Amino acid sequence: MERLNIKQGARVEILSDDDESITIRPISHPAYDLKTMLTGVKEGNIHDEVDWGEVLIG
């Protein structure tokens, strides 16, 4: 498991071939970057400002 960098609780993909062999490989996390995520922000999907109440610190 260490060689594959798989830890308990990790998400894995389990594949089975016709020759009855099984392959287990980690599911990598998607790489997020702000620029790519912001391309999905359009005028039609921007919500209004949310009032979270009075500032308690400061």
N, C-alpha and C. Protein backbone atom coordinates (compact mmCIF):
# COMPACT_ATOMS: atom_id res chain seq x y z
N MET A 1 0.81 -1.19 0.00
CA MET A 1 0.00 0.00 0.00
C MET A 1 0.86 1.26 0.00
N GLU A 2 1.97 1.26 0.71
CA GLU A 2 2.83 2.44 0.73
C GLU A 2 3.40 2.73 -0.65
N ARG A 3 3.76 1.69 -1.38
CA ARG A 3 4.33 1.87 -2.70
C ARG A 3 3.35 2.59 -3.63
N LEU A 4 2.07 2.32 -3.45
CA LEU A 4 1.04 2.94 -4.28
C LEU A 4 0.55 4.27 -3.72
N ASN A 5 1.06 4.64 -2.54
CA ASN A 5 0.63 5.86 -1.86
C ASN A 5 -0.87 5.84 -1.58
N ILE A 6 -1.37 4.67 -1.13
CA ILE A 6 -2.78 4.52 -0.77
C ILE A 6 -2.84 4.35 0.74
N LYS A 7 -3.65 5.19 1.37
CA LYS A 7 -3.82 5.13 2.82
C LYS A 7 -5.25 4.68 3.14
N GLN A 8 -5.46 4.20 4.34
CA GLN A 8 -6.78 3.78 4.76
C GLN A 8 -7.77 4.93 4.59
N GLY A 9 -8.90 4.65 3.97
CA GLY A 9 -9.91 5.66 3.72
C GLY A 9 -9.79 6.36 2.38
N ALA A 10 -8.70 6.06 1.64
CA ALA A 10 -8.50 6.69 0.33
C ALA A 10 -9.51 6.15 -0.67
N ARG A 11 -9.89 6.97 -1.61
CA ARG A 11 -10.79 6.54 -2.68
C ARG A 11 -9.97 5.79 -3.73
N VAL A 12 -10.46 4.64 -4.14
CA VAL A 12 -9.75 3.84 -5.14
C VAL A 12 -10.71 3.39 -6.22
N GLU A 13 -10.14 3.05 -7.35
CA GLU A 13 -10.88 2.47 -8.47
C GLU A 13 -10.46 1.02 -8.57
N ILE A 14 -11.43 0.12 -8.65
CA ILE A 14 -11.14 -1.31 -8.75
C ILE A 14 -11.60 -1.78 -10.13
N LEU A 15 -10.66 -2.32 -10.89
CA LEU A 15 -10.95 -2.80 -12.24
C LEU A 15 -10.73 -4.31 -12.31
N SER A 16 -11.56 -4.99 -13.07
CA SER A 16 -11.41 -6.43 -13.26
C SER A 16 -11.26 -6.70 -14.75
N ASP A 17 -10.25 -7.48 -15.12
CA ASP A 17 -10.02 -7.83 -16.52
C ASP A 17 -10.65 -9.18 -16.83
N ASP A 18 -10.73 -9.50 -18.10
CA ASP A 18 -11.30 -10.78 -18.51
C ASP A 18 -10.48 -11.96 -18.01
N ASP A 19 -9.20 -11.77 -17.77
CA ASP A 19 -8.35 -12.87 -17.31
C ASP A 19 -8.40 -13.02 -15.79
N GLU A 20 -9.41 -12.44 -15.15
CA GLU A 20 -9.66 -12.55 -13.71
C GLU A 20 -8.64 -11.84 -12.85
N SER A 21 -7.86 -10.93 -13.42
CA SER A 21 -6.95 -10.14 -12.60
C SER A 21 -7.68 -8.89 -12.14
N ILE A 22 -7.25 -8.37 -11.00
CA ILE A 22 -7.87 -7.18 -10.42
C ILE A 22 -6.81 -6.09 -10.31
N THR A 23 -7.18 -4.89 -10.71
CA THR A 23 -6.30 -3.74 -10.59
C THR A 23 -6.94 -2.74 -9.64
N ILE A 24 -6.16 -2.28 -8.67
CA ILE A 24 -6.63 -1.27 -7.72
C ILE A 24 -5.71 -0.07 -7.87
N ARG A 25 -6.32 1.11 -8.12
CA ARG A 25 -5.50 2.31 -8.24
C ARG A 25 -6.20 3.48 -7.57
N PRO A 26 -5.41 4.39 -7.02
CA PRO A 26 -6.02 5.53 -6.32
C PRO A 26 -6.74 6.44 -7.30
N ILE A 27 -7.81 7.04 -6.82
CA ILE A 27 -8.51 8.06 -7.60
C ILE A 27 -7.89 9.39 -7.21
N SER A 28 -7.28 10.04 -8.17
CA SER A 28 -6.61 11.30 -7.87
C SER A 28 -7.65 12.40 -7.70
N HIS A 29 -7.34 13.34 -6.86
CA HIS A 29 -8.21 14.48 -6.64
C HIS A 29 -8.07 15.43 -7.83
N PRO A 30 -9.17 16.02 -8.26
CA PRO A 30 -9.05 16.97 -9.35
C PRO A 30 -8.22 18.17 -8.93
N ALA A 31 -7.47 18.69 -9.85
CA ALA A 31 -6.65 19.87 -9.56
C ALA A 31 -7.51 21.11 -9.80
N TYR A 32 -7.75 21.86 -8.75
CA TYR A 32 -8.54 23.07 -8.87
C TYR A 32 -7.62 24.28 -8.95
N ASP A 33 -7.97 25.21 -9.78
CA ASP A 33 -7.27 26.49 -9.75
C ASP A 33 -8.30 27.58 -9.94
N LEU A 34 -8.08 28.69 -9.28
CA LEU A 34 -9.06 29.77 -9.23
C LEU A 34 -9.44 30.27 -10.61
N LYS A 35 -8.49 30.43 -11.49
CA LYS A 35 -8.78 30.96 -12.83
C LYS A 35 -9.77 30.06 -13.57
N THR A 36 -9.57 28.75 -13.49
CA THR A 36 -10.46 27.81 -14.17
C THR A 36 -11.85 27.84 -13.54
N MET A 37 -11.91 27.88 -12.20
CA MET A 37 -13.21 27.91 -11.54
C MET A 37 -13.98 29.18 -11.87
N LEU A 38 -13.27 30.30 -11.96
CA LEU A 38 -13.95 31.57 -12.25
C LEU A 38 -14.50 31.65 -13.66
N THR A 39 -14.02 30.81 -14.58
CA THR A 39 -14.59 30.81 -15.93
C THR A 39 -16.04 30.35 -15.92
N GLY A 40 -16.44 29.62 -14.87
CA GLY A 40 -17.83 29.17 -14.75
C GLY A 40 -18.76 30.21 -14.17
N VAL A 41 -18.22 31.31 -13.68
CA VAL A 41 -19.05 32.36 -13.09
C VAL A 41 -19.60 33.24 -14.21
N LYS A 42 -20.91 33.26 -14.29
CA LYS A 42 -21.60 34.05 -15.32
C LYS A 42 -22.59 34.97 -14.62
N GLU A 43 -23.05 35.98 -15.30
CA GLU A 43 -23.99 36.93 -14.71
C GLU A 43 -25.25 36.22 -14.20
N GLY A 44 -25.66 35.17 -14.87
CA GLY A 44 -26.89 34.46 -14.48
C GLY A 44 -26.74 33.54 -13.28
N ASN A 45 -25.50 33.25 -12.84
CA ASN A 45 -25.36 32.34 -11.70
C ASN A 45 -24.67 32.98 -10.50
N ILE A 46 -24.66 34.30 -10.45
CA ILE A 46 -24.09 35.02 -9.30
C ILE A 46 -25.25 35.31 -8.34
N HIS A 47 -25.11 34.87 -7.09
CA HIS A 47 -26.17 35.12 -6.12
C HIS A 47 -25.96 36.47 -5.43
N ASP A 48 -27.01 36.92 -4.79
CA ASP A 48 -26.95 38.19 -4.06
C ASP A 48 -26.06 38.03 -2.82
N GLU A 49 -25.65 39.18 -2.30
CA GLU A 49 -24.86 39.21 -1.07
C GLU A 49 -25.67 38.60 0.06
N VAL A 50 -25.00 37.91 0.97
CA VAL A 50 -25.65 37.29 2.12
C VAL A 50 -25.30 38.07 3.37
N ASP A 51 -26.30 38.44 4.14
CA ASP A 51 -26.08 39.15 5.41
C ASP A 51 -25.91 38.11 6.51
N TRP A 52 -24.71 38.02 7.06
CA TRP A 52 -24.41 37.04 8.11
C TRP A 52 -24.62 37.63 9.50
N GLY A 53 -25.15 38.80 9.60
CA GLY A 53 -25.44 39.41 10.89
C GLY A 53 -24.32 40.35 11.35
N GLU A 54 -24.43 40.73 12.60
CA GLU A 54 -23.50 41.70 13.18
C GLU A 54 -22.09 41.10 13.35
N VAL A 55 -21.09 41.92 13.11
CA VAL A 55 -19.70 41.51 13.32
C VAL A 55 -19.45 41.44 14.82
N LEU A 56 -18.98 40.30 15.31
CA LEU A 56 -18.80 40.11 16.75
C LEU A 56 -17.38 40.38 17.20
N ILE A 57 -16.43 40.37 16.27
CA ILE A 57 -15.02 40.59 16.61
C ILE A 57 -14.56 41.86 15.90
N GLY A 58 -13.81 42.68 16.58
CA GLY A 58 -13.23 43.82 15.90
C GLY A 58 -13.62 45.07 16.45
